[in-house]
């Protein structure tokens, strides 16, 4: 990733790819915030495996509240990655399933989750080092992994 920012410490919103730069604009950030939020990953993970009714999703993701799950499903449906299907049963039932567009998320999400699992020890070490610096009352002169100068 090439940093083309003019200010130190401010990463660029441009990523270099084999086909040229990809600008990360507000709509991209908004979409990624919605698809990668706390509950969306869990919902997408379940729906990539099988279509599910609302209560089946609640059982599969026990920590999610009814309100949060409902909002997550609406957001994913709005973005075209999940569809809501009214079932022809009595009483009326609704099932959620991944769309063709949603299926295209599976591979990049798997790669991202594998990256997180592989690098979690390094991330936790970096957090611990940073938190040690944050607690220390002395001004920082280097990176959290460097020893402070005497």
C-alpha atoms as a PDB file:
ATOM      1  CA  UNK A   1       0.000   0.000   0.000  1.00  0.00           C
ATOM      2  CA  UNK A   2       1.470   3.330  -1.026  1.00  0.00           C
ATOM      3  CA  UNK A   3       0.836   6.329   1.190  1.00  0.00           C
ATOM      4  CA  UNK A   4       0.257   9.395  -0.956  1.00  0.00           C
ATOM      5  CA  UNK A   5      -0.898  11.563   1.942  1.00  0.00           C
ATOM      6  CA  UNK A   6       0.723  14.957   2.322  1.00  0.00           C
ATOM      7  CA  UNK A   7       0.459  14.928   6.118  1.00  0.00           C
ATOM      8  CA  UNK A   8       2.568  12.580   8.249  1.00  0.00           C
ATOM      9  CA  UNK A   9       0.505  10.137  10.256  1.00  0.00           C
ATOM     10  CA  UNK A  10      -2.527  10.376   7.952  1.00  0.00           C
ATOM     11  CA  UNK A  11      -2.830   7.329   5.711  1.00  0.00           C
ATOM     12  CA  UNK A  12      -3.938   7.858   2.178  1.00  0.00           C
ATOM     13  CA  UNK A  13      -7.378   6.884   0.970  1.00  0.00           C
ATOM     14  CA  UNK A  14      -5.737   5.437  -2.150  1.00  0.00           C
ATOM     15  CA  UNK A  15      -4.568   1.842  -2.391  1.00  0.00           C
ATOM     16  CA  UNK A  16      -2.261   0.729  -5.181  1.00  0.00           C
ATOM     17  CA  UNK A  17      -3.456  -2.380  -6.991  1.00  0.00           C
ATOM     18  CA  UNK A  18      -2.143  -4.310  -9.967  1.00  0.00           C
ATOM     19  CA  UNK A  19      -4.680  -2.468 -12.133  1.00  0.00           C
ATOM     20  CA  UNK A  20      -3.906   0.966 -10.696  1.00  0.00           C
ATOM     21  CA  UNK A  21      -5.002   3.017  -7.706  1.00  0.00           C
ATOM     22  CA  UNK A  22      -8.334   2.310  -6.020  1.00  0.00           C
ATOM     23  CA  UNK A  23      -9.736   5.366  -4.295  1.00  0.00           C
ATOM     24  CA  UNK A  24     -11.611   4.639  -1.066  1.00  0.00           C
ATOM     25  CA  UNK A  25     -14.446   7.138  -1.091  1.00  0.00           C
ATOM     26  CA  UNK A  26     -17.316   7.804   1.324  1.00  0.00           C
ATOM     27  CA  UNK A  27     -19.736   5.342  -0.331  1.00  0.00           C
ATOM     28  CA  UNK A  28     -17.115   2.577  -0.067  1.00  0.00           C
ATOM     29  CA  UNK A  29     -16.488   3.315   3.602  1.00  0.00           C
ATOM     30  CA  UNK A  30     -20.225   3.395   4.318  1.00  0.00           C
ATOM     31  CA  UNK A  31     -20.782   0.048   2.598  1.00  0.00           C
ATOM     32  CA  UNK A  32     -17.827  -1.580   4.351  1.00  0.00           C
ATOM     33  CA  UNK A  33     -18.999  -0.215   7.705  1.00  0.00           C
ATOM     34  CA  UNK A  34     -22.381  -1.825   7.100  1.00  0.00           C
ATOM     35  CA  UNK A  35     -21.107  -5.161   5.797  1.00  0.00           C
ATOM     36  CA  UNK A  36     -18.293  -5.534   8.337  1.00  0.00           C
ATOM     37  CA  UNK A  37     -20.133  -4.341  11.433  1.00  0.00           C
ATOM     38  CA  UNK A  38     -20.553  -6.320  14.637  1.00  0.00           C
ATOM     39  CA  UNK A  39     -23.505  -8.503  13.585  1.00  0.00           C
ATOM     40  CA  UNK A  40     -23.339  -8.482   9.781  1.00  0.00           C
ATOM     41  CA  UNK A  41     -20.353 -10.827   9.648  1.00  0.00           C
ATOM     42  CA  UNK A  42     -22.149 -13.369  11.828  1.00  0.00           C
ATOM     43  CA  UNK A  43     -25.386 -13.098   9.839  1.00  0.00           C
ATOM     44  CA  UNK A  44     -23.567 -13.429   6.515  1.00  0.00           C
ATOM     45  CA  UNK A  45     -21.623 -16.400   7.834  1.00  0.00           C
ATOM     46  CA  UNK A  46     -24.850 -18.233   8.733  1.00  0.00           C
ATOM     47  CA  UNK A  47     -26.683 -17.284   5.538  1.00  0.00           C
ATOM     48  CA  UNK A  48     -23.756 -18.337   3.337  1.00  0.00           C
ATOM     49  CA  UNK A  49     -24.257 -21.828   4.761  1.00  0.00           C
ATOM     50  CA  UNK A  50     -28.063 -21.987   4.499  1.00  0.00           C
ATOM     51  CA  UNK A  51     -31.209 -19.859   4.242  1.00  0.00           C
ATOM     52  CA  UNK A  52     -32.633 -19.184   7.688  1.00  0.00           C
ATOM     53  CA  UNK A  53     -35.683 -17.815   9.397  1.00  0.00           C
ATOM     54  CA  UNK A  54     -35.347 -14.939  11.837  1.00  0.00           C
ATOM     55  CA  UNK A  55     -35.533 -17.129  14.962  1.00  0.00           C
ATOM     56  CA  UNK A  56     -33.047 -19.601  13.463  1.00  0.00           C
ATOM     57  CA  UNK A  57     -30.623 -16.699  13.076  1.00  0.00           C
ATOM     58  CA  UNK A  58     -31.273 -15.645  16.685  1.00  0.00           C
ATOM     59  CA  UNK A  59     -30.423 -19.168  17.851  1.00  0.00           C
ATOM     60  CA  UNK A  60     -27.315 -19.303  15.651  1.00  0.00           C
ATOM     61  CA  UNK A  61     -26.130 -15.923  16.999  1.00  0.00           C
ATOM     62  CA  UNK A  62     -27.252 -16.015  20.650  1.00  0.00           C
ATOM     63  CA  UNK A  63     -25.684 -12.693  21.689  1.00  0.00           C
ATOM     64  CA  UNK A  64     -27.610 -10.621  19.124  1.00  0.00           C
ATOM     65  CA  UNK A  65     -30.763  -8.858  20.266  1.00  0.00           C
ATOM     66  CA  UNK A  66     -33.962  -8.980  18.251  1.00  0.00           C
ATOM     67  CA  UNK A  67     -33.665  -5.261  17.482  1.00  0.00           C
ATOM     68  CA  UNK A  68     -30.028  -5.530  16.339  1.00  0.00           C
ATOM     69  CA  UNK A  69     -30.721  -8.578  14.189  1.00  0.00           C
ATOM     70  CA  UNK A  70     -33.699  -6.891  12.553  1.00  0.00           C
ATOM     71  CA  UNK A  71     -31.655  -3.744  11.809  1.00  0.00           C
ATOM     72  CA  UNK A  72     -28.755  -5.831  10.473  1.00  0.00           C
ATOM     73  CA  UNK A  73     -30.995  -7.836   8.148  1.00  0.00           C
ATOM     74  CA  UNK A  74     -32.629  -4.659   6.813  1.00  0.00           C
ATOM     75  CA  UNK A  75     -29.223  -3.074   6.187  1.00  0.00           C
ATOM     76  CA  UNK A  76     -27.937  -6.169   4.383  1.00  0.00           C
ATOM     77  CA  UNK A  77     -31.157  -6.408   2.372  1.00  0.00           C
ATOM     78  CA  UNK A  78     -30.891  -2.727   1.413  1.00  0.00           C
ATOM     79  CA  UNK A  79     -27.344  -3.333   0.154  1.00  0.00           C
ATOM     80  CA  UNK A  80     -28.512  -6.268  -1.975  1.00  0.00           C
ATOM     81  CA  UNK A  81     -26.525  -9.003  -0.224  1.00  0.00           C
ATOM     82  CA  UNK A  82     -29.469 -10.620   1.595  1.00  0.00           C
ATOM     83  CA  UNK A  83     -33.022 -11.156   0.440  1.00  0.00           C
ATOM     84  CA  UNK A  84     -36.180 -11.621   2.464  1.00  0.00           C
ATOM     85  CA  UNK A  85     -38.526 -14.273   1.087  1.00  0.00           C
ATOM     86  CA  UNK A  86     -42.112 -14.654   2.287  1.00  0.00           C
ATOM     87  CA  UNK A  87     -42.850 -18.371   2.569  1.00  0.00           C
ATOM     88  CA  UNK A  88     -46.163 -19.810   1.439  1.00  0.00           C
ATOM     89  CA  UNK A  89     -47.023 -21.383   4.786  1.00  0.00           C
ATOM     90  CA  UNK A  90     -49.559 -20.800   7.542  1.00  0.00           C
ATOM     91  CA  UNK A  91     -48.891 -18.863   9.632  1.00  0.00           C
ATOM     92  CA  UNK A  92     -46.935 -16.725   7.207  1.00  0.00           C
ATOM     93  CA  UNK A  93     -43.200 -17.244   7.517  1.00  0.00           C
ATOM     94  CA  UNK A  94     -40.200 -15.288   6.307  1.00  0.00           C
ATOM     95  CA  UNK A  95     -36.826 -16.667   5.360  1.00  0.00           C
ATOM     96  CA  UNK A  96     -33.597 -14.801   4.700  1.00  0.00           C
ATOM     97  CA  UNK A  97     -31.050 -15.972   2.186  1.00  0.00           C
ATOM     98  CA  UNK A  98     -27.863 -14.751   0.651  1.00  0.00           C
ATOM     99  CA  UNK A  99     -28.135 -13.241  -2.843  1.00  0.00           C
ATOM    100  CA  UNK A 100     -25.796 -13.869  -5.756  1.00  0.00           C
ATOM    101  CA  UNK A 101     -24.143 -10.539  -4.911  1.00  0.00           C
ATOM    102  CA  UNK A 102     -23.857 -11.597  -1.266  1.00  0.00           C
ATOM    103  CA  UNK A 103     -22.162 -14.853  -2.286  1.00  0.00           C
ATOM    104  CA  UNK A 104     -19.367 -12.814  -3.853  1.00  0.00           C
ATOM    105  CA  UNK A 105     -18.511 -11.551  -0.345  1.00  0.00           C
ATOM    106  CA  UNK A 106     -17.703 -15.048   0.934  1.00  0.00           C
ATOM    107  CA  UNK A 107     -14.140 -15.266  -0.369  1.00  0.00           C
ATOM    108  CA  UNK A 108     -12.938 -11.791   0.708  1.00  0.00           C
ATOM    109  CA  UNK A 109     -14.605 -12.189   4.126  1.00  0.00           C
ATOM    110  CA  UNK A 110     -12.960 -15.587   4.611  1.00  0.00           C
ATOM    111  CA  UNK A 111      -9.577 -14.086   3.695  1.00  0.00           C
ATOM    112  CA  UNK A 112     -10.101 -11.186   6.108  1.00  0.00           C
ATOM    113  CA  UNK A 113     -11.172 -13.495   8.953  1.00  0.00           C
ATOM    114  CA  UNK A 114      -8.216 -15.829   8.302  1.00  0.00           C
ATOM    115  CA  UNK A 115      -5.892 -12.827   8.370  1.00  0.00           C
ATOM    116  CA  UNK A 116      -7.378 -11.735  11.709  1.00  0.00           C
ATOM    117  CA  UNK A 117      -6.998 -15.220  13.192  1.00  0.00           C
ATOM    118  CA  UNK A 118      -3.406 -15.556  11.963  1.00  0.00           C
ATOM    119  CA  UNK A 119      -2.321 -12.112  13.189  1.00  0.00           C
ATOM    120  CA  UNK A 120      -4.327 -11.841  16.413  1.00  0.00           C
ATOM    121  CA  UNK A 121      -1.295 -12.594  18.644  1.00  0.00           C
ATOM    122  CA  UNK A 122       0.648  -9.752  16.959  1.00  0.00           C
ATOM    123  CA  UNK A 123      -2.328  -7.421  17.252  1.00  0.00           C
ATOM    124  CA  UNK A 124      -2.794  -8.252  20.939  1.00  0.00           C
ATOM    125  CA  UNK A 125       0.924  -7.640  21.556  1.00  0.00           C
ATOM    126  CA  UNK A 126       0.702  -4.274  19.777  1.00  0.00           C
ATOM    127  CA  UNK A 127      -2.357  -3.349  21.843  1.00  0.00           C
ATOM    128  CA  UNK A 128      -0.608  -4.314  25.072  1.00  0.00           C
ATOM    129  CA  UNK A 129       2.442  -2.248  24.095  1.00  0.00           C
ATOM    130  CA  UNK A 130       0.272   0.721  23.166  1.00  0.00           C
ATOM    131  CA  UNK A 131      -1.769   0.446  26.357  1.00  0.00           C
ATOM    132  CA  UNK A 132       1.472   0.386  28.349  1.00  0.00           C
ATOM    133  CA  UNK A 133       2.466   3.648  26.690  1.00  0.00           C
ATOM    134  CA  UNK A 134      -0.976   5.155  27.248  1.00  0.00           C
ATOM    135  CA  UNK A 135      -0.804   4.409  30.988  1.00  0.00           C
ATOM    136  CA  UNK A 136       2.729   5.760  31.290  1.00  0.00           C
ATOM    137  CA  UNK A 137       2.636   9.472  32.174  1.00  0.00           C
ATOM    138  CA  UNK A 138       5.887  10.282  30.364  1.00  0.00           C
ATOM    139  CA  UNK A 139       5.660  11.730  26.850  1.00  0.00           C
ATOM    140  CA  UNK A 140       6.168   9.293  24.014  1.00  0.00           C
ATOM    141  CA  UNK A 141       9.348   9.778  22.022  1.00  0.00           C
ATOM    142  CA  UNK A 142       9.275   6.642  19.911  1.00  0.00           C
ATOM    143  CA  UNK A 143       7.019   3.810  18.931  1.00  0.00           C
ATOM    144  CA  UNK A 144       5.368   1.653  21.609  1.00  0.00           C
ATOM    145  CA  UNK A 145       7.788  -1.185  20.820  1.00  0.00           C
ATOM    146  CA  UNK A 146      10.902   0.962  21.354  1.00  0.00           C
ATOM    147  CA  UNK A 147      12.422   1.499  24.758  1.00  0.00           C
ATOM    148  CA  UNK A 148      12.014   5.050  26.050  1.00  0.00           C
ATOM    149  CA  UNK A 149      15.244   7.025  26.030  1.00  0.00           C
ATOM    150  CA  UNK A 150      16.739   7.813  29.468  1.00  0.00           C
END
